Amino acid sequence: MMSTMTDPADDYAKRQLDRLRAAVPTPWAPHAEPILFDVARASDFAIDTLLRQPTLVDSFASFAPAASLTLARDARPEWGMQLRRHRTAESTRLIWRDVAGVDDVDATLAGSTRLADQCLQVALEALEGEFAERFGRVR
C-alpha cells in the first residue's frame, strides 16, 4: 500500500490561509485564492502583514494602485508608525505582484527602490514643513 506524499509547505500554506480567513471580515475574490496560497508559501512577512491589515487582501486582489502617503502635521507622534505601516503594506504589495507573476525581478527591485525613495521624500517634506513653521523658510 503506497501513501501519497504531501508537501509540508502546502500544509503550512493552508494553515496560514485558514488564519487569514479568520481575520478577513469578508470572503476574498475567488481568483485571489491561488495567489494567496502562493504568497503563504513564499512569505510569512506578507501573511503577517495581511493579518494586521486585512483590507489589503481586496486591494491587492483587485490590483488597485498603491495609496499615497501623507503625514499630517498635527499627527507628528504618529509619523513613524504611519511610515512603517505604509512601507510594510507596499512591501507586501511587491511580494503579491511578484508571486502573482505581474512583476519580474527587475520590476520588483525597482519597486523596492521607488518605495524607499517615496518614504524618504514624504518624511523629508513633512519635516521641512514642520521646520518652516517653527523657524521660517530659508531664503
N, C-alpha and C. Protein backbone atom coordinates (compact mmCIF):
# COMPACT_ATOMS: atom_id res chain seq x y z
N MET A 1 0.85 -1.18 0.00
CA MET A 1 0.00 0.00 0.00
C MET A 1 0.89 1.24 0.00
N MET A 2 0.69 2.07 -0.97
CA MET A 2 1.53 3.26 -1.11
C MET A 2 0.73 4.49 -0.70
N SER A 3 1.31 5.30 0.19
CA SER A 3 0.62 6.52 0.59
C SER A 3 1.11 7.68 -0.27
N THR A 4 0.24 8.62 -0.47
CA THR A 4 0.64 9.79 -1.26
C THR A 4 1.41 10.74 -0.36
N MET A 5 2.42 11.32 -0.94
CA MET A 5 3.24 12.26 -0.19
C MET A 5 2.67 13.66 -0.37
N THR A 6 2.70 14.40 0.69
CA THR A 6 2.26 15.79 0.61
C THR A 6 3.45 16.69 0.92
N ASP A 7 3.41 17.84 0.36
CA ASP A 7 4.46 18.82 0.59
C ASP A 7 4.15 19.55 1.89
N PRO A 8 5.04 19.52 2.88
CA PRO A 8 4.79 20.23 4.14
C PRO A 8 4.54 21.72 3.92
N ALA A 9 5.13 22.29 2.89
CA ALA A 9 4.91 23.71 2.61
C ALA A 9 3.46 23.96 2.21
N ASP A 10 2.84 23.00 1.52
CA ASP A 10 1.43 23.14 1.16
C ASP A 10 0.54 23.13 2.40
N ASP A 11 0.83 22.20 3.32
CA ASP A 11 0.06 22.14 4.56
C ASP A 11 0.22 23.43 5.36
N TYR A 12 1.43 23.93 5.41
CA TYR A 12 1.69 25.18 6.13
C TYR A 12 0.93 26.33 5.48
N ALA A 13 0.96 26.41 4.16
CA ALA A 13 0.25 27.47 3.45
C ALA A 13 -1.26 27.39 3.72
N LYS A 14 -1.80 26.18 3.75
CA LYS A 14 -3.23 26.02 4.04
C LYS A 14 -3.56 26.53 5.44
N ARG A 15 -2.70 26.23 6.41
CA ARG A 15 -2.92 26.74 7.77
C ARG A 15 -2.85 28.26 7.81
N GLN A 16 -1.92 28.82 7.07
CA GLN A 16 -1.81 30.28 7.02
C GLN A 16 -3.07 30.90 6.40
N LEU A 17 -3.59 30.28 5.36
CA LEU A 17 -4.82 30.78 4.73
C LEU A 17 -6.01 30.67 5.69
N ASP A 18 -6.05 29.61 6.49
CA ASP A 18 -7.12 29.49 7.49
C ASP A 18 -7.04 30.63 8.49
N ARG A 19 -5.83 30.97 8.93
CA ARG A 19 -5.65 32.11 9.84
C ARG A 19 -6.12 33.40 9.18
N LEU A 20 -5.79 33.56 7.92
CA LEU A 20 -6.16 34.77 7.19
C LEU A 20 -7.67 34.86 7.01
N ARG A 21 -8.31 33.74 6.69
CA ARG A 21 -9.77 33.72 6.53
C ARG A 21 -10.45 34.18 7.82
N ALA A 22 -9.91 33.78 8.95
CA ALA A 22 -10.49 34.17 10.24
C ALA A 22 -10.33 35.67 10.49
N ALA A 23 -9.33 36.29 9.90
CA ALA A 23 -9.05 37.72 10.14
C ALA A 23 -9.74 38.64 9.13
N VAL A 24 -9.95 38.15 7.93
CA VAL A 24 -10.54 38.99 6.88
C VAL A 24 -12.07 38.92 7.02
N PRO A 25 -12.72 40.08 7.20
CA PRO A 25 -14.15 40.08 7.51
C PRO A 25 -15.06 39.58 6.38
N THR A 26 -14.64 39.69 5.14
CA THR A 26 -15.47 39.23 4.02
C THR A 26 -14.65 38.28 3.16
N PRO A 27 -15.32 37.35 2.48
CA PRO A 27 -14.58 36.44 1.61
C PRO A 27 -13.87 37.21 0.49
N TRP A 28 -12.68 36.76 0.15
CA TRP A 28 -11.95 37.43 -0.93
C TRP A 28 -12.38 36.87 -2.27
N ALA A 29 -12.02 37.58 -3.31
CA ALA A 29 -12.38 37.18 -4.67
C ALA A 29 -11.80 35.79 -4.97
N PRO A 30 -12.56 34.95 -5.67
CA PRO A 30 -12.09 33.59 -5.96
C PRO A 30 -10.74 33.55 -6.68
N HIS A 31 -10.47 34.51 -7.56
CA HIS A 31 -9.19 34.50 -8.28
C HIS A 31 -8.01 34.79 -7.35
N ALA A 32 -8.30 35.30 -6.15
CA ALA A 32 -7.22 35.62 -5.20
C ALA A 32 -6.72 34.38 -4.46
N GLU A 33 -7.53 33.34 -4.39
CA GLU A 33 -7.17 32.14 -3.61
C GLU A 33 -5.83 31.54 -4.02
N PRO A 34 -5.61 31.24 -5.31
CA PRO A 34 -4.31 30.65 -5.65
C PRO A 34 -3.14 31.61 -5.41
N ILE A 35 -3.38 32.91 -5.59
CA ILE A 35 -2.30 33.88 -5.33
C ILE A 35 -1.99 33.90 -3.84
N LEU A 36 -3.04 33.93 -3.01
CA LEU A 36 -2.83 33.92 -1.56
C LEU A 36 -2.12 32.65 -1.12
N PHE A 37 -2.47 31.53 -1.73
CA PHE A 37 -1.79 30.27 -1.40
C PHE A 37 -0.30 30.39 -1.71
N ASP A 38 0.03 30.92 -2.87
CA ASP A 38 1.44 31.08 -3.24
C ASP A 38 2.14 32.11 -2.36
N VAL A 39 1.43 33.18 -1.99
CA VAL A 39 2.00 34.16 -1.07
C VAL A 39 2.29 33.50 0.27
N ALA A 40 1.36 32.67 0.74
CA ALA A 40 1.55 31.97 2.02
C ALA A 40 2.75 31.03 1.96
N ARG A 41 2.97 30.42 0.83
CA ARG A 41 4.16 29.56 0.67
C ARG A 41 5.44 30.38 0.62
N ALA A 42 5.35 31.59 0.08
CA ALA A 42 6.56 32.38 -0.18
C ALA A 42 6.98 33.26 0.99
N SER A 43 6.02 33.76 1.78
CA SER A 43 6.40 34.83 2.71
C SER A 43 5.54 34.89 3.97
N ASP A 44 6.15 34.54 5.10
CA ASP A 44 5.49 34.75 6.39
C ASP A 44 5.26 36.24 6.63
N PHE A 45 6.22 37.06 6.21
CA PHE A 45 6.10 38.51 6.35
C PHE A 45 4.81 39.01 5.69
N ALA A 46 4.55 38.56 4.48
CA ALA A 46 3.36 39.01 3.75
C ALA A 46 2.08 38.57 4.47
N ILE A 47 2.04 37.34 4.93
CA ILE A 47 0.85 36.86 5.63
C ILE A 47 0.66 37.62 6.93
N ASP A 48 1.73 37.86 7.67
CA ASP A 48 1.63 38.65 8.91
C ASP A 48 1.10 40.05 8.62
N THR A 49 1.55 40.64 7.54
CA THR A 49 1.06 41.97 7.16
C THR A 49 -0.43 41.91 6.84
N LEU A 50 -0.85 40.92 6.08
CA LEU A 50 -2.27 40.79 5.72
C LEU A 50 -3.13 40.50 6.95
N LEU A 51 -2.58 39.80 7.92
CA LEU A 51 -3.31 39.57 9.17
C LEU A 51 -3.50 40.87 9.94
N ARG A 52 -2.49 41.74 9.92
CA ARG A 52 -2.57 43.02 10.63
C ARG A 52 -3.36 44.07 9.84
N GLN A 53 -3.36 43.94 8.52
CA GLN A 53 -4.05 44.91 7.66
C GLN A 53 -4.94 44.14 6.66
N PRO A 54 -6.00 43.50 7.15
CA PRO A 54 -6.78 42.60 6.27
C PRO A 54 -7.43 43.28 5.07
N THR A 55 -7.64 44.58 5.10
CA THR A 55 -8.25 45.24 3.94
C THR A 55 -7.31 45.23 2.73
N LEU A 56 -6.04 44.95 2.97
CA LEU A 56 -5.10 44.88 1.85
C LEU A 56 -5.42 43.72 0.91
N VAL A 57 -6.04 42.66 1.42
CA VAL A 57 -6.33 41.50 0.57
C VAL A 57 -7.17 41.93 -0.63
N ASP A 58 -8.26 42.66 -0.39
CA ASP A 58 -9.11 43.10 -1.50
C ASP A 58 -8.38 44.08 -2.41
N SER A 59 -7.61 44.96 -1.82
CA SER A 59 -6.85 45.93 -2.61
C SER A 59 -5.87 45.23 -3.54
N PHE A 60 -5.13 44.27 -2.99
CA PHE A 60 -4.15 43.55 -3.80
C PHE A 60 -4.84 42.67 -4.84
N ALA A 61 -5.95 42.03 -4.45
CA ALA A 61 -6.66 41.14 -5.37
C ALA A 61 -7.21 41.90 -6.57
N SER A 62 -7.55 43.17 -6.37
CA SER A 62 -8.06 43.98 -7.48
C SER A 62 -6.93 44.68 -8.24
N PHE A 63 -5.71 44.47 -7.78
CA PHE A 63 -4.53 45.11 -8.37
C PHE A 63 -4.71 46.62 -8.43
N ALA A 64 -5.36 47.15 -7.37
CA ALA A 64 -5.55 48.60 -7.26
C ALA A 64 -4.20 49.27 -7.07
N PRO A 65 -4.07 50.50 -7.55
CA PRO A 65 -2.79 51.20 -7.36
C PRO A 65 -2.56 51.49 -5.88
N ALA A 66 -1.32 51.66 -5.54
CA ALA A 66 -0.95 51.94 -4.16
C ALA A 66 -1.52 53.27 -3.71
N ALA A 67 -1.93 53.32 -2.47
CA ALA A 67 -2.42 54.57 -1.89
C ALA A 67 -1.22 55.47 -1.59
N SER A 68 -1.42 56.76 -1.77
CA SER A 68 -0.33 57.68 -1.45
C SER A 68 -0.30 57.92 0.05
N LEU A 69 0.83 58.32 0.54
CA LEU A 69 1.02 58.56 1.96
C LEU A 69 1.27 60.04 2.19
N THR A 70 0.54 60.60 3.12
CA THR A 70 0.82 61.96 3.57
C THR A 70 0.90 61.93 5.09
N LEU A 71 1.78 62.73 5.63
CA LEU A 71 1.94 62.81 7.07
C LEU A 71 1.37 64.14 7.54
N ALA A 72 0.29 64.07 8.31
CA ALA A 72 -0.37 65.27 8.79
C ALA A 72 0.49 65.95 9.86
N ARG A 73 0.62 67.25 9.75
CA ARG A 73 1.46 67.99 10.70
C ARG A 73 0.95 67.87 12.13
N ASP A 74 -0.36 67.76 12.29
CA ASP A 74 -0.91 67.68 13.64
C ASP A 74 -0.82 66.27 14.24
N ALA A 75 -0.27 65.33 13.49
CA ALA A 75 -0.13 63.95 13.97
C ALA A 75 1.34 63.54 14.04
N ARG A 76 2.20 64.47 14.40
CA ARG A 76 3.65 64.24 14.42
C ARG A 76 4.05 62.97 15.17
N PRO A 77 3.46 62.69 16.36
CA PRO A 77 3.87 61.47 17.08
C PRO A 77 3.59 60.17 16.32
N GLU A 78 2.70 60.22 15.35
CA GLU A 78 2.31 59.02 14.61
C GLU A 78 3.08 58.83 13.30
N TRP A 79 3.94 59.76 12.95
CA TRP A 79 4.64 59.68 11.67
C TRP A 79 5.42 58.38 11.50
N GLY A 80 6.17 58.00 12.50
CA GLY A 80 6.96 56.77 12.40
C GLY A 80 6.10 55.55 12.15
N MET A 81 5.00 55.46 12.91
CA MET A 81 4.09 54.33 12.75
C MET A 81 3.45 54.34 11.37
N GLN A 82 3.05 55.53 10.90
CA GLN A 82 2.42 55.63 9.58
C GLN A 82 3.40 55.24 8.47
N LEU A 83 4.64 55.69 8.58
CA LEU A 83 5.65 55.32 7.58
C LEU A 83 5.90 53.82 7.59
N ARG A 84 6.04 53.23 8.78
CA ARG A 84 6.28 51.78 8.86
C ARG A 84 5.11 50.99 8.30
N ARG A 85 3.89 51.40 8.65
CA ARG A 85 2.70 50.69 8.18
C ARG A 85 2.59 50.77 6.65
N HIS A 86 2.85 51.94 6.11
CA HIS A 86 2.81 52.13 4.65
C HIS A 86 3.91 51.29 3.97
N ARG A 87 5.11 51.36 4.50
CA ARG A 87 6.23 50.62 3.91
C ARG A 87 5.95 49.11 3.96
N THR A 88 5.41 48.65 5.08
CA THR A 88 5.09 47.23 5.23
C THR A 88 4.01 46.81 4.22
N ALA A 89 2.97 47.62 4.10
CA ALA A 89 1.89 47.31 3.15
C ALA A 89 2.41 47.28 1.72
N GLU A 90 3.21 48.28 1.37
CA GLU A 90 3.70 48.35 -0.01
C GLU A 90 4.76 47.29 -0.30
N SER A 91 5.52 46.91 0.70
CA SER A 91 6.46 45.79 0.53
C SER A 91 5.69 44.50 0.28
N THR A 92 4.57 44.35 0.98
CA THR A 92 3.72 43.17 0.77
C THR A 92 3.09 43.21 -0.61
N ARG A 93 2.73 44.40 -1.08
CA ARG A 93 2.20 44.53 -2.45
C ARG A 93 3.25 44.04 -3.46
N LEU A 94 4.52 44.39 -3.23
CA LEU A 94 5.59 43.94 -4.12
C LEU A 94 5.68 42.41 -4.12
N ILE A 95 5.55 41.80 -2.94
CA ILE A 95 5.57 40.33 -2.85
C ILE A 95 4.39 39.75 -3.62
N TRP A 96 3.20 40.31 -3.41
CA TRP A 96 1.98 39.85 -4.09
C TRP A 96 2.18 39.88 -5.61
N ARG A 97 2.64 41.02 -6.11
CA ARG A 97 2.80 41.19 -7.56
C ARG A 97 3.87 40.23 -8.11
N ASP A 98 4.91 40.00 -7.34
CA ASP A 98 5.96 39.07 -7.76
C ASP A 98 5.40 37.64 -7.82
N VAL A 99 4.75 37.23 -6.75
CA VAL A 99 4.20 35.87 -6.68
C VAL A 99 3.11 35.65 -7.74
N ALA A 100 2.31 36.69 -7.99
CA ALA A 100 1.23 36.58 -8.98
C ALA A 100 1.75 36.61 -10.41
N GLY A 101 3.03 36.88 -10.59
CA GLY A 101 3.61 36.91 -11.92
C GLY A 101 3.37 38.21 -12.66
N VAL A 102 2.90 39.23 -11.96
CA VAL A 102 2.65 40.53 -12.58
C VAL A 102 3.97 41.25 -12.84
N ASP A 103 4.87 41.17 -11.88
CA ASP A 103 6.17 41.84 -12.00
C ASP A 103 7.29 40.81 -12.08
N ASP A 104 8.31 41.13 -12.85
CA ASP A 104 9.50 40.28 -12.87
C ASP A 104 10.47 40.80 -11.80
N VAL A 105 11.62 40.18 -11.70
CA VAL A 105 12.60 40.54 -10.67
C VAL A 105 13.02 42.00 -10.80
N ASP A 106 13.28 42.44 -12.02
CA ASP A 106 13.70 43.83 -12.22
C ASP A 106 12.63 44.81 -11.75
N ALA A 107 11.37 44.53 -12.05
CA ALA A 107 10.28 45.41 -11.63
C ALA A 107 10.13 45.41 -10.11
N THR A 108 10.31 44.24 -9.50
CA THR A 108 10.22 44.15 -8.04
C THR A 108 11.34 44.95 -7.38
N LEU A 109 12.55 44.82 -7.90
CA LEU A 109 13.67 45.58 -7.34
C LEU A 109 13.47 47.08 -7.56
N ALA A 110 13.00 47.46 -8.73
CA ALA A 110 12.72 48.88 -8.99
C ALA A 110 11.62 49.39 -8.06
N GLY A 111 10.61 48.57 -7.82
CA GLY A 111 9.54 48.95 -6.91
C GLY A 111 10.03 49.13 -5.49
N SER A 112 10.95 48.29 -5.08
CA SER A 112 11.54 48.41 -3.74
C SER A 112 12.32 49.71 -3.60
N THR A 113 13.08 50.04 -4.62
CA THR A 113 13.83 51.30 -4.62
C THR A 113 12.88 52.49 -4.62
N ARG A 114 11.85 52.43 -5.46
CA ARG A 114 10.87 53.51 -5.55
C ARG A 114 10.16 53.70 -4.20
N LEU A 115 9.82 52.61 -3.53
CA LEU A 115 9.16 52.68 -2.23
C LEU A 115 10.06 53.36 -1.20
N ALA A 116 11.33 53.00 -1.17
CA ALA A 116 12.27 53.64 -0.23
C ALA A 116 12.37 55.13 -0.53
N ASP A 117 12.50 55.47 -1.80
CA ASP A 117 12.59 56.89 -2.18
C ASP A 117 11.33 57.65 -1.78
N GLN A 118 10.16 57.05 -2.01
CA GLN A 118 8.90 57.72 -1.66
C GLN A 118 8.79 57.95 -0.16
N CYS A 119 9.14 56.94 0.63
CA CYS A 119 9.06 57.08 2.09
C CYS A 119 10.01 58.18 2.57
N LEU A 120 11.21 58.20 2.03
CA LEU A 120 12.16 59.25 2.41
C LEU A 120 11.65 60.62 2.00
N GLN A 121 11.09 60.73 0.80
CA GLN A 121 10.58 62.02 0.32
C GLN A 121 9.42 62.52 1.17
N VAL A 122 8.49 61.63 1.50
CA VAL A 122 7.35 62.02 2.33
C VAL A 122 7.82 62.49 3.71
N ALA A 123 8.76 61.76 4.30
CA ALA A 123 9.29 62.15 5.61
C ALA A 123 10.02 63.48 5.53
N LEU A 124 10.82 63.67 4.49
CA LEU A 124 11.55 64.93 4.32
C LEU A 124 10.59 66.10 4.17
N GLU A 125 9.57 65.94 3.34
CA GLU A 125 8.60 67.02 3.14
C GLU A 125 7.87 67.36 4.44
N ALA A 126 7.53 66.34 5.22
CA ALA A 126 6.85 66.59 6.50
C ALA A 126 7.76 67.35 7.45
N LEU A 127 9.03 66.95 7.53
CA LEU A 127 9.98 67.64 8.41
C LEU A 127 10.25 69.06 7.92
N GLU A 128 10.39 69.24 6.62
CA GLU A 128 10.61 70.59 6.08
C GLU A 128 9.44 71.51 6.43
N GLY A 129 8.23 70.99 6.32
CA GLY A 129 7.05 71.78 6.68
C GLY A 129 7.04 72.14 8.16
N GLU A 130 7.39 71.18 8.99
CA GLU A 130 7.45 71.43 10.43
C GLU A 130 8.52 72.48 10.75
N PHE A 131 9.68 72.33 10.17
CA PHE A 131 10.77 73.28 10.42
C PHE A 131 10.43 74.67 9.91
N ALA A 132 9.75 74.75 8.77
CA ALA A 132 9.36 76.05 8.23
C ALA A 132 8.38 76.75 9.17
N GLU A 133 7.47 75.98 9.77
CA GLU A 133 6.53 76.57 10.73
C GLU A 133 7.26 77.07 11.97
N ARG A 134 8.23 76.31 12.42
CA ARG A 134 8.93 76.66 13.66
C ARG A 134 9.98 77.74 13.47
N PHE A 135 10.71 77.69 12.36
CA PHE A 135 11.88 78.55 12.20
C PHE A 135 11.80 79.48 10.99
N GLY A 136 10.78 79.35 10.18
CA GLY A 136 10.68 80.15 8.97
C GLY A 136 11.39 79.47 7.81
N ARG A 137 11.20 80.04 6.65
CA ARG A 137 11.81 79.47 5.43
C ARG A 137 13.18 80.08 5.20
N VAL A 138 14.10 79.26 4.72
CA VAL A 138 15.43 79.73 4.37
C VAL A 138 15.33 80.50 3.06
N ARG A 139 16.01 81.64 3.00
CA ARG A 139 15.95 82.45 1.77
C ARG A 139 17.12 82.16 0.89
